[in-house]
Amino acid sequence: MAEAERSPQTIAKALKHVPDAEFVMHNGDVVENGGREQDWTDLLDSARASLLSTTLAPASGNHDTAANAFAGRRRPPTAARP
């Protein structure tokens, strides 16, 4: 099972265990191939419900940093600006 398939399940399980968590820390390898756009789309589509209820604080793993893909997702264009 690839990271993109496990991550949403892990996030949902953590929030079920601690439903009032203020954030979820992810220790890296959020997706299998950070340079593959479909991996990010699959992750966000399947984790959407969980991510709407809390903040995700991911660390970038070696799979996420392929083609510098992780850097562009740290602040998505729709994120609120400080």
PDB file of N, CA and C in Angstrom:
ATOM      1  N   MET A   1       0.851  -1.179   0.000  1.00  0.00           N
ATOM      2  CA  MET A   1       0.000   0.000   0.000  1.00  0.00           C
ATOM      3  C   MET A   1       0.896   1.242   0.000  1.00  0.00           C
ATOM      4  N   ALA A   2       0.639   2.159  -0.879  1.00  0.00           N
ATOM      5  CA  ALA A   2       1.447   3.373  -1.009  1.00  0.00           C
ATOM      6  C   ALA A   2       1.085   4.390   0.064  1.00  0.00           C
ATOM      7  N   GLU A   3       1.998   5.342   0.285  1.00  0.00           N
ATOM      8  CA  GLU A   3       1.779   6.374   1.293  1.00  0.00           C
ATOM      9  C   GLU A   3       0.475   7.132   1.067  1.00  0.00           C
ATOM     10  N   ALA A   4       0.173   7.451  -0.183  1.00  0.00           N
ATOM     11  CA  ALA A   4      -1.047   8.209  -0.488  1.00  0.00           C
ATOM     12  C   ALA A   4      -2.296   7.439  -0.085  1.00  0.00           C
ATOM     13  N   GLU A   5      -2.206   6.120  -0.039  1.00  0.00           N
ATOM     14  CA  GLU A   5      -3.346   5.308   0.385  1.00  0.00           C
ATOM     15  C   GLU A   5      -3.410   5.190   1.901  1.00  0.00           C
ATOM     16  N   ARG A   6      -2.258   5.149   2.568  1.00  0.00           N
ATOM     17  CA  ARG A   6      -2.219   5.008   4.031  1.00  0.00           C
ATOM     18  C   ARG A   6      -2.469   6.317   4.750  1.00  0.00           C
ATOM     19  N   SER A   7      -1.979   7.418   4.227  1.00  0.00           N
ATOM     20  CA  SER A   7      -2.067   8.698   4.933  1.00  0.00           C
ATOM     21  C   SER A   7      -3.490   9.074   5.326  1.00  0.00           C
ATOM     22  N   PRO A   8      -4.477   9.033   4.420  1.00  0.00           N
ATOM     23  CA  PRO A   8      -5.841   9.397   4.820  1.00  0.00           C
ATOM     24  C   PRO A   8      -6.385   8.492   5.918  1.00  0.00           C
ATOM     25  N   GLN A   9      -6.072   7.202   5.840  1.00  0.00           N
ATOM     26  CA  GLN A   9      -6.535   6.261   6.861  1.00  0.00           C
ATOM     27  C   GLN A   9      -5.893   6.571   8.210  1.00  0.00           C
ATOM     28  N   THR A  10      -4.624   6.898   8.191  1.00  0.00           N
ATOM     29  CA  THR A  10      -3.904   7.209   9.423  1.00  0.00           C
ATOM     30  C   THR A  10      -4.433   8.488  10.049  1.00  0.00           C
ATOM     31  N   ILE A  11      -4.690   9.492   9.236  1.00  0.00           N
ATOM     32  CA  ILE A  11      -5.228  10.767   9.733  1.00  0.00           C
ATOM     33  C   ILE A  11      -6.600  10.541  10.358  1.00  0.00           C
ATOM     34  N   ALA A  12      -7.463   9.807   9.672  1.00  0.00           N
ATOM     35  CA  ALA A  12      -8.808   9.535  10.194  1.00  0.00           C
ATOM     36  C   ALA A  12      -8.742   8.747  11.500  1.00  0.00           C
ATOM     37  N   LYS A  13      -7.841   7.777  11.571  1.00  0.00           N
ATOM     38  CA  LYS A  13      -7.695   6.966  12.784  1.00  0.00           C
ATOM     39  C   LYS A  13      -7.217   7.825  13.955  1.00  0.00           C
ATOM     40  N   ALA A  14      -6.270   8.708  13.703  1.00  0.00           N
ATOM     41  CA  ALA A  14      -5.770   9.593  14.762  1.00  0.00           C
ATOM     42  C   ALA A  14      -6.878  10.502  15.275  1.00  0.00           C
ATOM     43  N   LEU A  15      -7.676  11.047  14.370  1.00  0.00           N
ATOM     44  CA  LEU A  15      -8.761  11.945  14.782  1.00  0.00           C
ATOM     45  C   LEU A  15      -9.886  11.196  15.494  1.00  0.00           C
ATOM     46  N   LYS A  16     -10.074   9.932  15.165  1.00  0.00           N
ATOM     47  CA  LYS A  16     -11.074   9.139  15.875  1.00  0.00           C
ATOM     48  C   LYS A  16     -10.605   8.872  17.306  1.00  0.00           C
ATOM     49  N   HIS A  17      -9.299   8.638  17.454  1.00  0.00           N
ATOM     50  CA  HIS A  17      -8.717   8.364  18.774  1.00  0.00           C
ATOM     51  C   HIS A  17      -8.670   9.622  19.641  1.00  0.00           C
ATOM     52  N   VAL A  18      -8.372  10.758  19.018  1.00  0.00           N
ATOM     53  CA  VAL A  18      -8.297  12.043  19.725  1.00  0.00           C
ATOM     54  C   VAL A  18      -9.139  13.050  18.937  1.00  0.00           C
ATOM     55  N   PRO A  19     -10.465  13.007  19.071  1.00  0.00           N
ATOM     56  CA  PRO A  19     -11.351  13.819  18.237  1.00  0.00           C
ATOM     57  C   PRO A  19     -11.208  15.327  18.418  1.00  0.00           C
ATOM     58  N   ASP A  20     -10.695  15.775  19.545  1.00  0.00           N
ATOM     59  CA  ASP A  20     -10.551  17.215  19.762  1.00  0.00           C
ATOM     60  C   ASP A  20      -9.125  17.703  19.500  1.00  0.00           C
ATOM     61  N   ALA A  21      -8.352  16.924  18.743  1.00  0.00           N
ATOM     62  CA  ALA A  21      -6.973  17.317  18.422  1.00  0.00           C
ATOM     63  C   ALA A  21      -6.966  18.644  17.672  1.00  0.00           C
ATOM     64  N   GLU A  22      -6.055  19.513  18.047  1.00  0.00           N
ATOM     65  CA  GLU A  22      -5.949  20.807  17.371  1.00  0.00           C
ATOM     66  C   GLU A  22      -5.185  20.696  16.059  1.00  0.00           C
ATOM     67  N   PHE A  23      -4.341  19.664  15.943  1.00  0.00           N
ATOM     68  CA  PHE A  23      -3.615  19.435  14.697  1.00  0.00           C
ATOM     69  C   PHE A  23      -3.163  17.980  14.644  1.00  0.00           C
ATOM     70  N   VAL A  24      -2.810  17.548  13.445  1.00  0.00           N
ATOM     71  CA  VAL A  24      -2.246  16.222  13.229  1.00  0.00           C
ATOM     72  C   VAL A  24      -0.858  16.418  12.644  1.00  0.00           C
ATOM     73  N   MET A  25       0.148  15.841  13.288  1.00  0.00           N
ATOM     74  CA  MET A  25       1.523  15.901  12.790  1.00  0.00           C
ATOM     75  C   MET A  25       1.770  14.650  11.950  1.00  0.00           C
ATOM     76  N   HIS A  26       2.245  14.848  10.728  1.00  0.00           N
ATOM     77  CA  HIS A  26       2.577  13.726   9.838  1.00  0.00           C
ATOM     78  C   HIS A  26       4.088  13.708   9.705  1.00  0.00           C
ATOM     79  N   ASN A  27       4.712  12.547   9.927  1.00  0.00           N
ATOM     80  CA  ASN A  27       6.174  12.497   9.977  1.00  0.00           C
ATOM     81  C   ASN A  27       6.862  12.263   8.639  1.00  0.00           C
ATOM     82  N   GLY A  28       6.185  12.504   7.553  1.00  0.00           N
ATOM     83  CA  GLY A  28       6.850  12.461   6.251  1.00  0.00           C
ATOM     84  C   GLY A  28       6.414  11.307   5.369  1.00  0.00           C
ATOM     85  N   ASP A  29       6.807  11.387   4.100  1.00  0.00           N
ATOM     86  CA  ASP A  29       6.330  10.473   3.068  1.00  0.00           C
ATOM     87  C   ASP A  29       4.807  10.484   3.044  1.00  0.00           C
ATOM     88  N   VAL A  30       4.278  11.679   2.898  1.00  0.00           N
ATOM     89  CA  VAL A  30       2.833  11.881   2.833  1.00  0.00           C
ATOM     90  C   VAL A  30       2.273  11.186   1.595  1.00  0.00           C
ATOM     91  N   VAL A  31       3.016  11.218   0.505  1.00  0.00           N
ATOM     92  CA  VAL A  31       2.631  10.543  -0.738  1.00  0.00           C
ATOM     93  C   VAL A  31       3.772   9.649  -1.203  1.00  0.00           C
ATOM     94  N   GLU A  32       3.469   8.758  -2.126  1.00  0.00           N
ATOM     95  CA  GLU A  32       4.478   7.836  -2.656  1.00  0.00           C
ATOM     96  C   GLU A  32       5.475   8.561  -3.557  1.00  0.00           C
ATOM     97  N   ASN A  33       4.972   9.447  -4.436  1.00  0.00           N
ATOM     98  CA  ASN A  33       5.830  10.133  -5.399  1.00  0.00           C
ATOM     99  C   ASN A  33       5.426  11.599  -5.449  1.00  0.00           C
ATOM    100  N   GLY A  34       6.171  12.446  -4.755  1.00  0.00           N
ATOM    101  CA  GLY A  34       5.844  13.867  -4.669  1.00  0.00           C
ATOM    102  C   GLY A  34       5.839  14.587  -6.003  1.00  0.00           C
ATOM    103  N   GLY A  35       6.503  14.046  -6.997  1.00  0.00           N
ATOM    104  CA  GLY A  35       6.520  14.663  -8.312  1.00  0.00           C
ATOM    105  C   GLY A  35       5.322  14.273  -9.167  1.00  0.00           C
ATOM    106  N   ARG A  36       4.510  13.373  -8.661  1.00  0.00           N
ATOM    107  CA  ARG A  36       3.334  12.897  -9.407  1.00  0.00           C
ATOM    108  C   ARG A  36       2.091  13.592  -8.864  1.00  0.00           C
ATOM    109  N   GLU A  37       1.523  14.474  -9.643  1.00  0.00           N
ATOM    110  CA  GLU A  37       0.361  15.268  -9.229  1.00  0.00           C
ATOM    111  C   GLU A  37      -0.805  14.402  -8.755  1.00  0.00           C
ATOM    112  N   GLN A  38      -0.998  13.255  -9.394  1.00  0.00           N
ATOM    113  CA  GLN A  38      -2.124  12.388  -9.031  1.00  0.00           C
ATOM    114  C   GLN A  38      -2.010  11.877  -7.595  1.00  0.00           C
ATOM    115  N   ASP A  39      -0.795  11.672  -7.100  1.00  0.00           N
ATOM    116  CA  ASP A  39      -0.626  11.229  -5.711  1.00  0.00           C
ATOM    117  C   ASP A  39      -1.170  12.275  -4.739  1.00  0.00           C
ATOM    118  N   TRP A  40      -0.897  13.545  -5.003  1.00  0.00           N
ATOM    119  CA  TRP A  40      -1.395  14.626  -4.140  1.00  0.00           C
ATOM    120  C   TRP A  40      -2.915  14.747  -4.251  1.00  0.00           C
ATOM    121  N   THR A  41      -3.429  14.625  -5.474  1.00  0.00           N
ATOM    122  CA  THR A  41      -4.875  14.696  -5.690  1.00  0.00           C
ATOM    123  C   THR A  41      -5.580  13.562  -4.955  1.00  0.00           C
ATOM    124  N   ASP A  42      -5.048  12.355  -5.072  1.00  0.00           N
ATOM    125  CA  ASP A  42      -5.638  11.200  -4.388  1.00  0.00           C
ATOM    126  C   ASP A  42      -5.638  11.405  -2.878  1.00  0.00           C
ATOM    127  N   LEU A  43      -4.537  11.895  -2.344  1.00  0.00           N
ATOM    128  CA  LEU A  43      -4.443  12.140  -0.905  1.00  0.00           C
ATOM    129  C   LEU A  43      -5.491  13.153  -0.459  1.00  0.00           C
ATOM    130  N   LEU A  44      -5.544  14.288  -1.129  1.00  0.00           N
ATOM    131  CA  LEU A  44      -6.461  15.347  -0.717  1.00  0.00           C
ATOM    132  C   LEU A  44      -7.919  14.948  -0.905  1.00  0.00           C
ATOM    133  N   ASP A  45      -8.216  14.212  -1.971  1.00  0.00           N
ATOM    134  CA  ASP A  45      -9.593  13.756  -2.187  1.00  0.00           C
ATOM    135  C   ASP A  45     -10.036  12.792  -1.090  1.00  0.00           C
ATOM    136  N   SER A  46      -9.172  11.854  -0.735  1.00  0.00           N
ATOM    137  CA  SER A  46      -9.574  10.835   0.236  1.00  0.00           C
ATOM    138  C   SER A  46      -9.463  11.303   1.683  1.00  0.00           C
ATOM    139  N   ALA A  47      -8.678  12.334   1.954  1.00  0.00           N
ATOM    140  CA  ALA A  47      -8.519  12.834   3.327  1.00  0.00           C
ATOM    141  C   ALA A  47      -9.307  14.115   3.574  1.00  0.00           C
ATOM    142  N   ARG A  48     -10.058  14.560   2.585  1.00  0.00           N
ATOM    143  CA  ARG A  48     -10.760  15.852   2.669  1.00  0.00           C
ATOM    144  C   ARG A  48     -11.589  15.995   3.944  1.00  0.00           C
ATOM    145  N   ALA A  49     -12.413  15.012   4.277  1.00  0.00           N
ATOM    146  CA  ALA A  49     -13.286  15.113   5.458  1.00  0.00           C
ATOM    147  C   ALA A  49     -12.468  15.297   6.735  1.00  0.00           C
ATOM    148  N   SER A  50     -11.397  14.546   6.872  1.00  0.00           N
ATOM    149  CA  SER A  50     -10.545  14.669   8.059  1.00  0.00           C
ATOM    150  C   SER A  50      -9.849  16.018   8.102  1.00  0.00           C
ATOM    151  N   LEU A  51      -9.366  16.470   6.950  1.00  0.00           N
ATOM    152  CA  LEU A  51      -8.599  17.716   6.914  1.00  0.00           C
ATOM    153  C   LEU A  51      -9.471  18.947   7.123  1.00  0.00           C
ATOM    154  N   LEU A  52     -10.777  18.828   6.908  1.00  0.00           N
ATOM    155  CA  LEU A  52     -11.670  19.959   7.145  1.00  0.00           C
ATOM    156  C   LEU A  52     -11.902  20.195   8.630  1.00  0.00           C
ATOM    157  N   SER A  53     -11.574  19.210   9.464  1.00  0.00           N
ATOM    158  CA  SER A  53     -11.840  19.344  10.892  1.00  0.00           C
ATOM    159  C   SER A  53     -10.605  19.660  11.724  1.00  0.00           C
ATOM    160  N   THR A  54      -9.436  19.712  11.115  1.00  0.00           N
ATOM    161  CA  THR A  54      -8.220  19.981  11.880  1.00  0.00           C
ATOM    162  C   THR A  54      -7.125  20.509  10.956  1.00  0.00           C
ATOM    163  N   THR A  55      -6.000  20.820  11.529  1.00  0.00           N
ATOM    164  CA  THR A  55      -4.833  21.286  10.781  1.00  0.00           C
ATOM    165  C   THR A  55      -3.865  20.127  10.607  1.00  0.00           C
ATOM    166  N   LEU A  56      -3.330  19.970   9.417  1.00  0.00           N
ATOM    167  CA  LEU A  56      -2.315  18.959   9.150  1.00  0.00           C
ATOM    168  C   LEU A  56      -0.961  19.648   9.152  1.00  0.00           C
ATOM    169  N   ALA A  57      -0.037  19.139   9.965  1.00  0.00           N
ATOM    170  CA  ALA A  57       1.323  19.678  10.034  1.00  0.00           C
ATOM    171  C   ALA A  57       2.281  18.597   9.533  1.00  0.00           C
ATOM    172  N   PRO A  58       2.525  18.551   8.217  1.00  0.00           N
ATOM    173  CA  PRO A  58       3.372  17.487   7.675  1.00  0.00           C
ATOM    174  C   PRO A  58       4.849  17.868   7.645  1.00  0.00           C
ATOM    175  N   ALA A  59       5.688  16.882   7.896  1.00  0.00           N
ATOM    176  CA  ALA A  59       7.122  17.018   7.638  1.00  0.00           C
ATOM    177  C   ALA A  59       7.345  16.409   6.258  1.00  0.00           C
ATOM    178  N   SER A  60       8.261  16.954   5.505  1.00  0.00           N
ATOM    179  CA  SER A  60       8.494  16.396   4.174  1.00  0.00           C
ATOM    180  C   SER A  60       9.449  15.213   4.272  1.00  0.00           C
ATOM    181  N   GLY A  61       9.034  14.108   3.672  1.00  0.00           N
ATOM    182  CA  GLY A  61       9.883  12.932   3.590  1.00  0.00           C
ATOM    183  C   GLY A  61      10.561  12.890   2.234  1.00  0.00           C
ATOM    184  N   ASN A  62      11.429  11.920   2.045  1.00  0.00           N
ATOM    185  CA  ASN A  62      12.156  11.846   0.777  1.00  0.00           C
ATOM    186  C   ASN A  62      11.219  11.599  -0.405  1.00  0.00           C
ATOM    187  N   HIS A  63      10.098  10.952  -0.199  1.00  0.00           N
ATOM    188  CA  HIS A  63       9.144  10.729  -1.297  1.00  0.00           C
ATOM    189  C   HIS A  63       8.409  12.017  -1.660  1.00  0.00           C
ATOM    190  N   ASP A  64       8.200  12.877  -0.680  1.00  0.00           N
ATOM    191  CA  ASP A  64       7.452  14.117  -0.901  1.00  0.00           C
ATOM    192  C   ASP A  64       8.270  15.179  -1.624  1.00  0.00           C
ATOM    193  N   THR A  65       9.569  15.110  -1.508  1.00  0.00           N
ATOM    194  CA  THR A  65      10.415  16.176  -2.039  1.00  0.00           C
ATOM    195  C   THR A  65      10.844  15.954  -3.482  1.00  0.00           C
ATOM    196  N   ALA A  66      10.373  14.900  -4.121  1.00  0.00           N
ATOM    197  CA  ALA A  66      10.709  14.658  -5.525  1.00  0.00           C
ATOM    198  C   ALA A  66      10.349  15.876  -6.361  1.00  0.00           C
ATOM    199  N   ALA A  67      11.274  16.327  -7.155  1.00  0.00           N
ATOM    200  CA  ALA A  67      11.067  17.481  -8.043  1.00  0.00           C
ATOM    201  C   ALA A  67      10.631  18.718  -7.265  1.00  0.00           C
ATOM    202  N   ASN A  68      11.042  18.812  -6.000  1.00  0.00           N
ATOM    203  CA  ASN A  68      10.717  19.960  -5.140  1.00  0.00           C
ATOM    204  C   ASN A  68       9.203  20.163  -5.023  1.00  0.00           C
ATOM    205  N   ALA A  69       8.452  19.089  -5.149  1.00  0.00           N
ATOM    206  CA  ALA A  69       6.991  19.167  -5.167  1.00  0.00           C
ATOM    207  C   ALA A  69       6.396  19.596  -3.838  1.00  0.00           C
ATOM    208  N   PHE A  70       7.011  19.219  -2.726  1.00  0.00           N
ATOM    209  CA  PHE A  70       6.436  19.524  -1.413  1.00  0.00           C
ATOM    210  C   PHE A  70       6.420  21.024  -1.144  1.00  0.00           C
ATOM    211  N   ALA A  71       7.457  21.727  -1.568  1.00  0.00           N
ATOM    212  CA  ALA A  71       7.566  23.168  -1.281  1.00  0.00           C
ATOM    213  C   ALA A  71       6.378  23.949  -1.822  1.00  0.00           C
ATOM    214  N   GLY A  72       5.878  23.587  -2.975  1.00  0.00           N
ATOM    215  CA  GLY A  72       4.756  24.297  -3.567  1.00  0.00           C
ATOM    216  C   GLY A  72       3.429  24.026  -2.889  1.00  0.00           C
ATOM    217  N   ARG A  73       3.379  23.030  -2.031  1.00  0.00           N
ATOM    218  CA  ARG A  73       2.125  22.670  -1.362  1.00  0.00           C
ATOM    219  C   ARG A  73       2.088  23.124   0.088  1.00  0.00           C
ATOM    220  N   ARG A  74       3.152  23.704   0.580  1.00  0.00           N
ATOM    221  CA  ARG A  74       3.160  24.146   1.976  1.00  0.00           C
ATOM    222  C   ARG A  74       2.197  25.292   2.189  1.00  0.00           C
ATOM    223  N   ARG A  75       1.981  26.084   1.188  1.00  0.00           N
ATOM    224  CA  ARG A  75       1.004  27.168   1.274  1.00  0.00           C
ATOM    225  C   ARG A  75       0.236  27.185  -0.037  1.00  0.00           C
ATOM    226  N   PRO A  76      -0.852  26.432  -0.092  1.00  0.00           N
ATOM    227  CA  PRO A  76      -1.617  26.390  -1.335  1.00  0.00           C
ATOM    228  C   PRO A  76      -2.159  27.760  -1.710  1.00  0.00           C
ATOM    229  N   PRO A  77      -2.419  28.003  -2.979  1.00  0.00           N
ATOM    230  CA  PRO A  77      -2.884  29.319  -3.426  1.00  0.00           C
ATOM    231  C   PRO A  77      -4.162  29.777  -2.739  1.00  0.00           C
ATOM    232  N   THR A  78      -4.988  28.853  -2.259  1.00  0.00           N
ATOM    233  CA  THR A  78      -6.239  29.242  -1.617  1.00  0.00           C
ATOM    234  C   THR A  78      -6.091  29.469  -0.111  1.00  0.00           C
ATOM    235  N   ALA A  79      -4.886  29.291   0.421  1.00  0.00           N
ATOM    236  CA  ALA A  79      -4.674  29.481   1.862  1.00  0.00           C
ATOM    237  C   ALA A  79      -4.787  30.957   2.218  1.00  0.00           C
ATOM    238  N   ALA A  80      -5.254  31.216   3.420  1.00  0.00           N
ATOM    239  CA  ALA A  80      -5.348  32.605   3.894  1.00  0.00           C
ATOM    240  C   ALA A  80      -3.946  33.169   4.072  1.00  0.00           C
ATOM    241  N   ARG A  81      -3.770  34.382   3.702  1.00  0.00           N
ATOM    242  CA  ARG A  81      -2.466  35.039   3.855  1.00  0.00           C
ATOM    243  C   ARG A  81      -2.414  35.771   5.190  1.00  0.00           C
ATOM    244  N   PRO A  82      -1.269  35.722   5.865  1.00  0.00           N
ATOM    245  CA  PRO A  82      -1.159  36.441   7.151  1.00  0.00           C
ATOM    246  C   PRO A  82      -1.200  37.942   6.973  1.00  0.00           C
TER     247      PRO A  82
END
